[in-house]
């Protein structure tokens, strides 16, 4: 483990699988503790049990696109985890849909997610400011917020992730006087459960791997690839970085084969 997180607590929003889970695991193995959120109570319980084999972990269950559930998440974080100095906003979903086929409910689900992330971040950051020890926030953005990809129509997803990129830069400036850094990573295709919204589980590997040639480095990403970058941005090794959107994408933003 290259980064030390001794005595640091991370809140990982969307931490029951993929990039979020890989990041929570890295923080715990590095000597820290983790609070994860997820939508499925059984999954949250199972992941907390898994993480607890390596250190201390807690779980919070909520569907973040349901705004009625978000206040309880914020209340629990403020009451029990105000000592967190690290935050990762990893929750997300991706369902390709033609622009002409959107209805208001589907579009609103993307906006509701950003609304939840906005106010959960507000709660966690309030604890960081009160603690006076600084902190770090990392948002999981996306290559799809940078450019359009014809094979995967994604207007709503790009609105959500593009908003998260802009939020990253604006919040970085506002929180800099408090010693709180805010950065983001923008992955390309990563093999995570993100795609299960439109790909059957038994076809996930085959479908995701079919995009390998899209990346100049010749393969899709892994959750660990992203967690490597996220944990660096959380750590003191990136203490002079804030407001950055870091492309972790196998070279896609440089160009494509």
Protein backbone atom coordinates (compact mmCIF):
# COMPACT_ATOMS: atom_id res chain seq x y z
CA UNK A 1 0.00 0.00 0.00
CA UNK A 2 1.60 3.22 -1.18
CA UNK A 3 -0.74 5.67 0.54
CA UNK A 4 -1.20 5.91 4.28
CA UNK A 5 -4.66 6.65 5.66
CA UNK A 6 -3.88 6.03 9.30
CA UNK A 7 -6.60 7.49 11.53
CA UNK A 8 -8.52 8.84 8.51
CA UNK A 9 -12.19 8.11 7.87
CA UNK A 10 -13.63 8.06 4.35
CA UNK A 11 -17.27 8.29 3.35
CA UNK A 12 -17.82 6.48 0.05
CA UNK A 13 -21.18 7.28 -1.51
CA UNK A 14 -21.90 4.28 -3.71
CA UNK A 15 -19.40 2.04 -1.99
CA UNK A 16 -20.91 -1.43 -2.32
CA UNK A 17 -19.32 -2.32 -5.65
CA UNK A 18 -16.91 -1.29 -8.37
CA UNK A 19 -14.73 1.78 -7.99
CA UNK A 20 -16.28 2.86 -4.69
CA UNK A 21 -15.73 -0.50 -3.02
CA UNK A 22 -12.17 -0.75 -4.34
CA UNK A 23 -11.44 2.70 -2.91
CA UNK A 24 -12.97 1.92 0.49
CA UNK A 25 -10.85 -1.22 0.63
CA UNK A 26 -7.66 0.74 -0.14
CA UNK A 27 -8.38 3.26 2.62
CA UNK A 28 -9.03 0.55 5.18
CA UNK A 29 -5.96 -1.47 4.22
CA UNK A 30 -4.01 1.78 4.46
CA UNK A 31 -4.97 2.15 8.11
CA UNK A 32 -8.17 4.14 7.82
CA UNK A 33 -11.87 3.43 8.32
CA UNK A 34 -14.79 3.63 5.88
CA UNK A 35 -18.47 4.48 5.76
CA UNK A 36 -20.19 3.15 2.64
CA UNK A 37 -23.63 3.86 1.24
CA UNK A 38 -25.67 1.66 -1.08
CA UNK A 39 -29.23 1.09 -2.19
CA UNK A 40 -29.59 -2.58 -1.20
CA UNK A 41 -29.62 -3.34 2.52
CA UNK A 42 -28.38 -6.91 2.15
CA UNK A 43 -25.55 -5.81 -0.12
CA UNK A 44 -24.55 -3.03 2.27
CA UNK A 45 -24.49 -5.49 5.16
CA UNK A 46 -22.42 -8.00 3.18
CA UNK A 47 -19.88 -5.42 2.04
CA UNK A 48 -19.49 -3.99 5.54
CA UNK A 49 -18.79 -7.53 6.72
CA UNK A 50 -16.21 -7.97 3.99
CA UNK A 51 -14.47 -4.68 4.71
CA UNK A 52 -14.56 -5.32 8.45
CA UNK A 53 -12.18 -8.23 7.97
CA UNK A 54 -9.49 -5.63 7.29
CA UNK A 55 -10.55 -2.77 9.58
CA UNK A 56 -13.50 -0.73 10.79
CA UNK A 57 -16.45 -0.11 8.45
CA UNK A 58 -20.03 1.14 8.67
CA UNK A 59 -22.93 1.08 6.22
CA UNK A 60 -25.88 3.31 5.32
CA UNK A 61 -28.69 2.13 3.05
CA UNK A 62 -30.59 4.57 0.82
CA UNK A 63 -31.85 5.06 -2.71
CA UNK A 64 -30.27 8.40 -3.56
CA UNK A 65 -32.58 9.18 -6.48
CA UNK A 66 -35.43 9.28 -3.95
CA UNK A 67 -35.03 12.69 -2.35
CA UNK A 68 -37.14 11.66 0.63
CA UNK A 69 -34.39 9.25 1.71
CA UNK A 70 -31.49 11.68 1.48
CA UNK A 71 -32.19 13.67 4.68
CA UNK A 72 -31.83 10.50 6.77
CA UNK A 73 -28.44 9.80 5.18
CA UNK A 74 -27.31 13.32 5.99
CA UNK A 75 -28.64 13.06 9.54
CA UNK A 76 -26.77 9.81 10.16
CA UNK A 77 -23.53 11.13 8.68
CA UNK A 78 -23.71 14.30 10.78
CA UNK A 79 -24.53 12.43 13.99
CA UNK A 80 -22.14 9.49 13.68
CA UNK A 81 -19.43 10.37 11.15
CA UNK A 82 -18.72 14.09 11.45
CA UNK A 83 -15.06 13.14 11.96
CA UNK A 84 -14.69 11.99 8.33
CA UNK A 85 -12.01 13.95 6.48
CA UNK A 86 -12.28 12.08 3.18
CA UNK A 87 -15.25 11.78 0.80
CA UNK A 88 -15.69 9.89 -2.45
CA UNK A 89 -18.82 10.44 -4.54
CA UNK A 90 -18.89 7.21 -6.53
CA UNK A 91 -22.62 6.55 -6.89
CA UNK A 92 -23.89 6.45 -10.45
CA UNK A 93 -25.86 4.62 -13.12
CA UNK A 94 -25.56 4.46 -16.90
CA UNK A 95 -28.37 3.45 -19.25
CA UNK A 96 -27.86 4.40 -22.91
CA UNK A 97 -31.01 5.96 -24.34
CA UNK A 98 -31.63 8.06 -27.43
CA UNK A 99 -32.31 11.72 -26.67
CA UNK A 100 -35.74 11.48 -28.32
CA UNK A 101 -36.74 8.61 -26.04
CA UNK A 102 -36.20 10.35 -22.69
CA UNK A 103 -39.21 10.97 -20.50
CA UNK A 104 -39.23 13.39 -17.59
CA UNK A 105 -38.98 10.71 -14.90
CA UNK A 106 -35.88 9.14 -16.42
CA UNK A 107 -34.20 12.51 -16.92
CA UNK A 108 -35.07 13.54 -13.37
CA UNK A 109 -33.38 10.45 -11.95
CA UNK A 110 -30.01 11.82 -13.09
CA UNK A 111 -30.74 15.23 -11.56
CA UNK A 112 -31.93 13.64 -8.32
CA UNK A 113 -28.62 11.80 -8.03
CA UNK A 114 -26.65 15.02 -8.40
CA UNK A 115 -28.93 16.71 -5.90
CA UNK A 116 -28.23 13.93 -3.39
CA UNK A 117 -24.47 14.13 -3.95
CA UNK A 118 -24.56 17.91 -3.59
CA UNK A 119 -26.26 17.87 -0.20
CA UNK A 120 -24.45 14.81 1.16
CA UNK A 121 -21.20 16.58 0.29
CA UNK A 122 -22.46 19.66 2.11
CA UNK A 123 -23.01 17.58 5.25
CA UNK A 124 -19.65 15.81 5.14
CA UNK A 125 -17.76 19.01 4.34
CA UNK A 126 -19.41 20.76 7.30
CA UNK A 127 -17.76 18.19 9.55
CA UNK A 128 -14.39 18.75 7.85
CA UNK A 129 -14.63 22.51 8.32
CA UNK A 130 -15.66 22.16 11.95
CA UNK A 131 -12.80 19.75 12.59
CA UNK A 132 -10.27 22.19 11.23
CA UNK A 133 -7.96 19.49 9.89
CA UNK A 134 -8.66 19.98 6.19
CA UNK A 135 -9.76 17.10 4.00
CA UNK A 136 -10.19 15.75 0.50
CA UNK A 137 -13.17 15.11 -1.76
CA UNK A 138 -12.99 13.04 -4.94
CA UNK A 139 -15.86 12.87 -7.40
CA UNK A 140 -16.18 10.07 -9.95
CA UNK A 141 -16.90 11.87 -13.21
CA UNK A 142 -16.74 10.38 -16.68
CA UNK A 143 -15.18 10.51 -20.12
CA UNK A 144 -18.78 10.75 -21.38
CA UNK A 145 -18.94 14.23 -19.82
CA UNK A 146 -16.06 15.30 -22.09
CA UNK A 147 -17.31 14.06 -25.45
CA UNK A 148 -20.15 12.31 -27.24
CA UNK A 149 -19.89 8.61 -28.11
CA UNK A 150 -22.25 7.51 -30.88
CA UNK A 151 -22.32 3.86 -29.81
CA UNK A 152 -23.77 4.75 -26.39
CA UNK A 153 -26.27 7.66 -26.52
CA UNK A 154 -25.88 9.36 -23.18
CA UNK A 155 -27.28 12.90 -22.99
CA UNK A 156 -28.77 12.54 -19.51
CA UNK A 157 -25.69 10.78 -18.16
CA UNK A 158 -23.47 13.53 -19.58
CA UNK A 159 -25.63 16.21 -17.96
CA UNK A 160 -25.17 14.44 -14.62
CA UNK A 161 -21.43 13.85 -14.91
CA UNK A 162 -20.77 17.21 -16.54
CA UNK A 163 -22.48 18.84 -13.60
CA UNK A 164 -20.26 16.86 -11.26
CA UNK A 165 -17.16 18.08 -13.11
CA UNK A 166 -18.28 21.70 -12.78
CA UNK A 167 -19.19 21.16 -9.14
CA UNK A 168 -15.65 19.86 -8.56
CA UNK A 169 -14.01 23.04 -9.81
CA UNK A 170 -16.39 25.45 -8.12
CA UNK A 171 -16.22 23.68 -4.77
CA UNK A 172 -12.42 23.44 -4.95
CA UNK A 173 -12.15 27.23 -5.00
CA UNK A 174 -14.65 27.71 -2.21
CA UNK A 175 -13.08 25.16 0.13
CA UNK A 176 -9.41 25.91 -0.52
CA UNK A 177 -9.19 28.38 2.40
CA UNK A 178 -10.22 25.51 4.71
CA UNK A 179 -7.48 23.20 3.42
CA UNK A 180 -10.09 20.95 1.79
CA UNK A 181 -9.15 19.74 -1.69
CA UNK A 182 -11.72 18.74 -4.31
CA UNK A 183 -10.76 16.74 -7.39
CA UNK A 184 -12.39 14.28 -9.79
CA UNK A 185 -11.44 11.37 -12.00
CA UNK A 186 -12.98 10.80 -15.43
CA UNK A 187 -12.89 7.10 -16.38
CA UNK A 188 -13.63 5.59 -19.76
CA UNK A 189 -15.02 2.02 -19.91
CA UNK A 190 -14.40 0.23 -16.62
CA UNK A 191 -15.61 -3.28 -15.82
CA UNK A 192 -18.07 -2.57 -13.02
CA UNK A 193 -21.74 -3.33 -12.24
CA UNK A 194 -22.55 0.15 -13.63
CA UNK A 195 -23.57 -1.50 -16.91
CA UNK A 196 -25.98 -4.00 -15.37
CA UNK A 197 -28.74 -1.46 -15.92
CA UNK A 198 -28.84 -2.55 -19.56
CA UNK A 199 -26.55 -5.60 -19.84
CA UNK A 200 -27.51 -9.05 -18.43
CA UNK A 201 -25.13 -10.16 -15.69
CA UNK A 202 -24.02 -13.23 -17.64
CA UNK A 203 -23.07 -10.99 -20.58
CA UNK A 204 -21.28 -8.28 -18.59
CA UNK A 205 -17.69 -9.41 -19.16
CA UNK A 206 -18.25 -10.12 -22.84
CA UNK A 207 -20.02 -6.80 -23.46
CA UNK A 208 -17.56 -4.61 -21.58
CA UNK A 209 -14.52 -6.37 -23.02
CA UNK A 210 -15.84 -5.68 -26.53
CA UNK A 211 -14.86 -2.04 -25.92
CA UNK A 212 -11.19 -2.89 -25.30
CA UNK A 213 -10.09 -1.69 -28.73
CA UNK A 214 -11.73 1.70 -28.11
CA UNK A 215 -8.87 2.48 -25.72
CA UNK A 216 -5.36 3.18 -27.03
CA UNK A 217 -3.88 1.02 -24.26
CA UNK A 218 -5.91 -1.90 -25.58
CA UNK A 219 -8.01 -2.88 -22.59
CA UNK A 220 -10.91 -1.69 -20.48
CA UNK A 221 -10.26 -0.44 -16.99
CA UNK A 222 -10.68 -2.24 -13.69
CA UNK A 223 -12.08 -0.84 -10.44
CA UNK A 224 -8.55 -1.03 -9.06
CA UNK A 225 -7.26 1.21 -11.87
CA UNK A 226 -9.66 3.91 -10.75
CA UNK A 227 -9.12 3.28 -7.03
CA UNK A 228 -5.39 3.80 -7.57
CA UNK A 229 -6.05 7.30 -8.87
CA UNK A 230 -8.75 8.10 -6.32
CA UNK A 231 -6.63 6.99 -3.37
CA UNK A 232 -3.76 9.16 -4.65
CA UNK A 233 -6.10 12.17 -4.80
CA UNK A 234 -7.34 11.43 -1.29
CA UNK A 235 -3.83 11.13 0.09
CA UNK A 236 -1.31 13.75 1.16
CA UNK A 237 0.75 12.84 -1.91
CA UNK A 238 -1.60 15.08 -3.92
CA UNK A 239 -1.55 17.93 -1.39
CA UNK A 240 -0.95 20.54 -4.12
CA UNK A 241 -3.82 19.38 -6.33
CA UNK A 242 -7.33 20.77 -6.25
CA UNK A 243 -9.95 21.45 -8.89
CA UNK A 244 -8.46 18.86 -11.26
CA UNK A 245 -10.42 16.51 -13.51
CA UNK A 246 -8.01 13.61 -14.02
CA UNK A 247 -8.55 11.41 -17.08
CA UNK A 248 -8.07 7.75 -16.12
CA UNK A 249 -9.22 6.32 -19.41
CA UNK A 250 -6.66 4.12 -21.16
CA UNK A 251 -5.71 7.05 -23.36
CA UNK A 252 -9.13 7.76 -24.89
CA UNK A 253 -9.03 11.52 -24.37
CA UNK A 254 -5.61 11.63 -26.06
CA UNK A 255 -7.05 9.93 -29.13
CA UNK A 256 -8.53 6.66 -30.32
CA UNK A 257 -7.24 3.80 -32.43
